[in-house]
């Protein structure tokens, strides 16, 4: 065998070995780089959004199909106070109602003053309803469930739309839903059309507080007939807010 032929075979062998080493190094580098990429956790995607707690609602898409499940997770605080403005509109005029609300021990206290100058006090317990006007010393006493349960009764006397009623709606009546910021609160909103009157009602519910913080209602012609706005919610409730005219309190010590 000639010297040139031997040299050629040797050079080819060296180049083949170098190429093989290069391929092995490149494959090792690619595999190491791929293994360093974190894979998605598919277990989280398998969780049902209905089981989510209120503080994780931002991860759930709020739509007309899911809004009832989201609202079902919300709950109202057991103790708080706030101011609520109710505006009632009709053709040619409107009336405002300013309501001081205090809640503690399952009891709701309301002090209502209207733009007509009438001031009224209302206390709702799970069993009993007390109503009296400014200056009166003997309240009306009735059953708290005269308008339904005590929660609904307190909403009725605050002139609030009970947002939990959304849970009983036919899904086809819900026309819009989602998340939004309202008055500095992160809220879920829902809009539905009454199948009976044709009125359109929109709720804004604080995700953090579980309280209705705003609502609007429009008649079938599109005119605003009702608006509710709640202001800052505080948690230092004054026991004096629950005193009856005789100085006693229905709130248990």
Protein backbone atom coordinates (compact mmCIF):
# COMPACT_ATOMS: atom_id res chain seq x y z
CA UNK A 1 0.00 0.00 0.00
CA UNK A 2 1.41 3.39 -0.97
CA UNK A 3 2.28 6.08 1.54
CA UNK A 4 -0.32 8.48 0.07
CA UNK A 5 -3.10 5.86 0.45
CA UNK A 6 -2.16 5.18 4.07
CA UNK A 7 -2.08 8.92 4.80
CA UNK A 8 -5.52 9.40 3.22
CA UNK A 9 -7.08 6.61 5.28
CA UNK A 10 -5.54 8.02 8.45
CA UNK A 11 -6.84 11.55 7.80
CA UNK A 12 -10.34 10.21 7.03
CA UNK A 13 -10.34 8.19 10.22
CA UNK A 14 -9.31 11.21 12.30
CA UNK A 15 -11.98 13.41 10.72
CA UNK A 16 -14.65 10.72 11.26
CA UNK A 17 -13.73 10.38 14.93
CA UNK A 18 -13.77 14.20 15.38
CA UNK A 19 -17.17 14.44 13.70
CA UNK A 20 -18.56 11.67 15.90
CA UNK A 21 -17.28 13.41 19.05
CA UNK A 22 -18.86 16.69 17.86
CA UNK A 23 -22.25 15.05 17.33
CA UNK A 24 -22.10 13.47 20.78
CA UNK A 25 -21.22 16.80 22.43
CA UNK A 26 -23.97 18.65 20.55
CA UNK A 27 -26.57 16.03 21.51
CA UNK A 28 -25.50 16.18 25.14
CA UNK A 29 -25.76 19.99 25.17
CA UNK A 30 -29.21 20.00 23.57
CA UNK A 31 -30.52 17.39 26.01
CA UNK A 32 -29.09 19.29 29.00
CA UNK A 33 -30.69 22.54 27.79
CA UNK A 34 -34.07 20.84 27.24
CA UNK A 35 -34.02 19.21 30.67
CA UNK A 36 -33.43 22.61 32.29
CA UNK A 37 -36.78 23.97 30.99
CA UNK A 38 -39.51 23.50 33.64
CA UNK A 39 -42.52 21.58 32.41
CA UNK A 40 -46.00 22.93 33.15
CA UNK A 41 -47.84 21.56 36.19
CA UNK A 42 -50.89 19.94 34.64
CA UNK A 43 -52.41 19.05 38.02
CA UNK A 44 -53.50 22.67 38.57
CA UNK A 45 -55.38 22.72 35.28
CA UNK A 46 -57.35 19.68 36.37
CA UNK A 47 -58.82 21.43 39.41
CA UNK A 48 -62.45 22.51 39.13
CA UNK A 49 -62.88 26.34 39.09
CA UNK A 50 -66.08 25.95 41.12
CA UNK A 51 -64.03 24.77 44.10
CA UNK A 52 -61.85 27.90 44.11
CA UNK A 53 -61.81 30.18 47.14
CA UNK A 54 -62.62 33.92 46.78
CA UNK A 55 -58.95 34.94 46.98
CA UNK A 56 -58.20 32.89 43.84
CA UNK A 57 -61.14 34.07 41.77
CA UNK A 58 -58.85 36.17 39.59
CA UNK A 59 -57.65 32.90 38.01
CA UNK A 60 -61.16 31.92 36.92
CA UNK A 61 -62.67 33.43 33.82
CA UNK A 62 -65.90 35.20 34.74
CA UNK A 63 -68.52 34.66 32.07
CA UNK A 64 -72.27 34.33 31.87
CA UNK A 65 -71.74 30.57 32.27
CA UNK A 66 -69.49 30.75 35.36
CA UNK A 67 -70.74 33.82 37.24
CA UNK A 68 -73.25 31.89 39.37
CA UNK A 69 -70.56 29.44 40.51
CA UNK A 70 -68.22 32.34 41.37
CA UNK A 71 -70.85 34.24 43.36
CA UNK A 72 -71.69 31.04 45.25
CA UNK A 73 -68.17 31.13 46.77
CA UNK A 74 -68.59 34.64 48.23
CA UNK A 75 -69.68 35.32 51.81
CA UNK A 76 -70.47 38.52 53.70
CA UNK A 77 -68.41 39.56 56.75
CA UNK A 78 -70.01 38.89 60.12
CA UNK A 79 -69.25 42.36 61.50
CA UNK A 80 -68.87 45.71 59.68
CA UNK A 81 -70.27 49.20 59.21
CA UNK A 82 -70.63 51.42 56.16
CA UNK A 83 -72.70 54.17 54.54
CA UNK A 84 -75.01 53.41 51.63
CA UNK A 85 -76.63 55.84 49.18
CA UNK A 86 -79.84 54.75 47.44
CA UNK A 87 -81.16 56.87 44.56
CA UNK A 88 -84.66 56.28 43.19
CA UNK A 89 -85.54 57.90 39.85
CA UNK A 90 -88.78 58.51 38.04
CA UNK A 91 -89.89 60.80 35.25
CA UNK A 92 -89.43 64.35 36.47
CA UNK A 93 -87.73 63.66 39.81
CA UNK A 94 -85.80 61.46 42.22
CA UNK A 95 -85.30 60.78 45.94
CA UNK A 96 -82.08 60.04 47.81
CA UNK A 97 -81.78 57.84 50.89
CA UNK A 98 -78.67 57.88 53.08
CA UNK A 99 -78.37 54.75 55.20
CA UNK A 100 -75.90 54.08 58.03
CA UNK A 101 -75.47 50.32 58.29
CA UNK A 102 -73.96 48.38 61.21
CA UNK A 103 -73.82 44.60 61.44
CA UNK A 104 -72.70 42.53 64.46
CA UNK A 105 -73.74 39.32 66.17
CA UNK A 106 -76.22 38.46 63.45
CA UNK A 107 -78.04 41.79 64.01
CA UNK A 108 -78.36 44.59 61.44
CA UNK A 109 -78.91 48.21 62.47
CA UNK A 110 -80.07 50.81 59.94
CA UNK A 111 -80.42 54.56 60.34
CA UNK A 112 -82.13 55.96 57.27
CA UNK A 113 -82.58 59.59 56.30
CA UNK A 114 -84.24 60.65 53.07
CA UNK A 115 -84.04 63.83 51.02
CA UNK A 116 -87.61 64.52 52.20
CA UNK A 117 -86.33 64.88 55.79
CA UNK A 118 -87.70 61.64 57.26
CA UNK A 119 -85.38 59.78 59.65
CA UNK A 120 -86.10 56.16 60.55
CA UNK A 121 -84.31 53.52 62.64
CA UNK A 122 -84.56 49.81 61.91
CA UNK A 123 -83.00 46.85 63.71
CA UNK A 124 -83.25 43.35 62.28
CA UNK A 125 -82.38 40.27 64.33
CA UNK A 126 -82.79 36.65 63.20
CA UNK A 127 -86.20 36.59 64.93
CA UNK A 128 -87.42 40.18 65.42
CA UNK A 129 -87.86 43.40 63.47
CA UNK A 130 -87.83 46.80 65.25
CA UNK A 131 -88.83 50.04 63.49
CA UNK A 132 -89.24 53.54 64.91
CA UNK A 133 -88.95 57.14 63.70
CA UNK A 134 -86.80 59.89 65.20
CA UNK A 135 -88.30 61.06 68.49
CA UNK A 136 -90.43 57.97 69.07
CA UNK A 137 -89.91 55.93 72.24
CA UNK A 138 -91.95 52.85 71.33
CA UNK A 139 -90.84 50.87 68.29
CA UNK A 140 -92.95 48.70 66.06
CA UNK A 141 -92.05 45.07 66.79
CA UNK A 142 -92.68 42.30 64.27
CA UNK A 143 -91.29 39.07 62.94
CA UNK A 144 -88.03 39.36 61.03
CA UNK A 145 -89.17 36.76 58.52
CA UNK A 146 -92.16 38.84 57.49
CA UNK A 147 -90.33 39.51 54.21
CA UNK A 148 -88.35 36.27 54.12
CA UNK A 149 -85.19 35.37 56.03
CA UNK A 150 -83.44 37.97 58.24
CA UNK A 151 -80.69 38.56 55.66
CA UNK A 152 -83.23 39.30 52.96
CA UNK A 153 -85.24 41.43 55.41
CA UNK A 154 -82.22 43.61 56.20
CA UNK A 155 -81.53 43.97 52.45
CA UNK A 156 -85.15 44.94 51.84
CA UNK A 157 -85.01 47.71 54.45
CA UNK A 158 -81.69 48.95 53.05
CA UNK A 159 -83.44 49.00 49.66
CA UNK A 160 -80.72 46.70 48.38
CA UNK A 161 -81.01 44.18 45.61
CA UNK A 162 -80.03 40.85 47.18
CA UNK A 163 -77.22 39.76 44.88
CA UNK A 164 -77.47 36.12 45.96
CA UNK A 165 -80.69 36.01 43.92
CA UNK A 166 -78.43 35.64 40.88
CA UNK A 167 -77.96 32.02 41.93
CA UNK A 168 -81.64 31.35 41.23
CA UNK A 169 -81.70 32.94 37.78
CA UNK A 170 -82.14 31.05 34.57
CA UNK A 171 -78.74 31.18 32.89
CA UNK A 172 -80.41 32.50 29.72
CA UNK A 173 -81.45 35.70 31.55
CA UNK A 174 -77.82 36.63 32.39
CA UNK A 175 -76.61 38.99 29.67
CA UNK A 176 -73.11 39.99 30.83
CA UNK A 177 -70.53 39.13 33.50
CA UNK A 178 -66.87 39.66 34.31
CA UNK A 179 -64.31 41.32 36.57
CA UNK A 180 -63.80 45.05 36.99
CA UNK A 181 -62.55 47.76 39.32
CA UNK A 182 -65.32 49.78 40.98
CA UNK A 183 -64.64 52.48 43.58
CA UNK A 184 -61.20 51.03 44.23
CA UNK A 185 -62.60 47.54 44.85
CA UNK A 186 -61.82 44.48 42.77
CA UNK A 187 -65.30 43.25 41.86
CA UNK A 188 -67.21 40.66 39.98
CA UNK A 189 -70.17 42.02 38.06
CA UNK A 190 -73.25 40.45 36.59
CA UNK A 191 -76.05 41.85 34.49
CA UNK A 192 -79.38 40.22 33.83
CA UNK A 193 -82.72 41.06 32.28
CA UNK A 194 -85.92 40.43 34.22
CA UNK A 195 -88.08 37.97 32.29
CA UNK A 196 -91.22 39.59 33.75
CA UNK A 197 -90.71 43.37 33.56
CA UNK A 198 -87.91 43.51 31.01
CA UNK A 199 -85.81 45.61 33.40
CA UNK A 200 -82.02 45.34 33.21
CA UNK A 201 -80.17 44.99 36.54
CA UNK A 202 -76.42 45.16 37.09
CA UNK A 203 -74.59 44.15 40.29
CA UNK A 204 -71.04 44.91 41.46
CA UNK A 205 -69.92 42.62 44.30
CA UNK A 206 -66.61 43.05 46.14
CA UNK A 207 -64.58 39.85 45.93
CA UNK A 208 -62.66 40.71 49.10
CA UNK A 209 -65.70 41.71 51.19
CA UNK A 210 -68.45 39.61 49.65
CA UNK A 211 -70.69 42.69 49.83
CA UNK A 212 -72.75 44.41 47.16
CA UNK A 213 -71.00 47.75 46.61
CA UNK A 214 -73.02 49.09 43.68
CA UNK A 215 -76.08 48.28 41.60
CA UNK A 216 -78.12 49.87 38.84
CA UNK A 217 -81.53 49.10 37.41
CA UNK A 218 -82.95 50.32 34.11
CA UNK A 219 -86.52 49.98 32.93
CA UNK A 220 -87.48 48.31 29.65
CA UNK A 221 -87.08 51.65 27.85
CA UNK A 222 -83.48 52.02 29.11
CA UNK A 223 -84.12 54.74 31.72
CA UNK A 224 -82.25 54.58 35.03
CA UNK A 225 -84.74 53.97 37.85
CA UNK A 226 -82.50 52.81 40.71
CA UNK A 227 -78.88 53.22 41.79
CA UNK A 228 -77.12 51.95 44.91
CA UNK A 229 -73.62 53.02 45.98
CA UNK A 230 -71.79 51.82 49.10
CA UNK A 231 -68.87 53.70 50.63
CA UNK A 232 -65.87 52.58 52.68
CA UNK A 233 -66.45 49.46 54.73
CA UNK A 234 -65.05 49.59 58.29
CA UNK A 235 -64.89 46.98 61.03
CA UNK A 236 -64.95 49.00 64.28
CA UNK A 237 -68.67 48.70 64.99
CA UNK A 238 -70.11 50.93 67.73
CA UNK A 239 -72.38 48.95 70.14
CA UNK A 240 -74.50 52.10 70.59
CA UNK A 241 -75.71 51.62 67.00
CA UNK A 242 -77.89 48.74 68.20
CA UNK A 243 -79.63 50.44 71.13
CA UNK A 244 -83.43 50.41 71.16
CA UNK A 245 -85.38 53.45 72.44
CA UNK A 246 -85.48 51.92 75.95
CA UNK A 247 -81.68 51.64 76.05
CA UNK A 248 -81.49 47.85 75.66
CA UNK A 249 -79.64 46.08 72.88
CA UNK A 250 -80.64 42.94 70.94
CA UNK A 251 -76.98 42.12 70.34
CA UNK A 252 -75.79 39.32 72.62
CA UNK A 253 -72.83 40.19 74.86
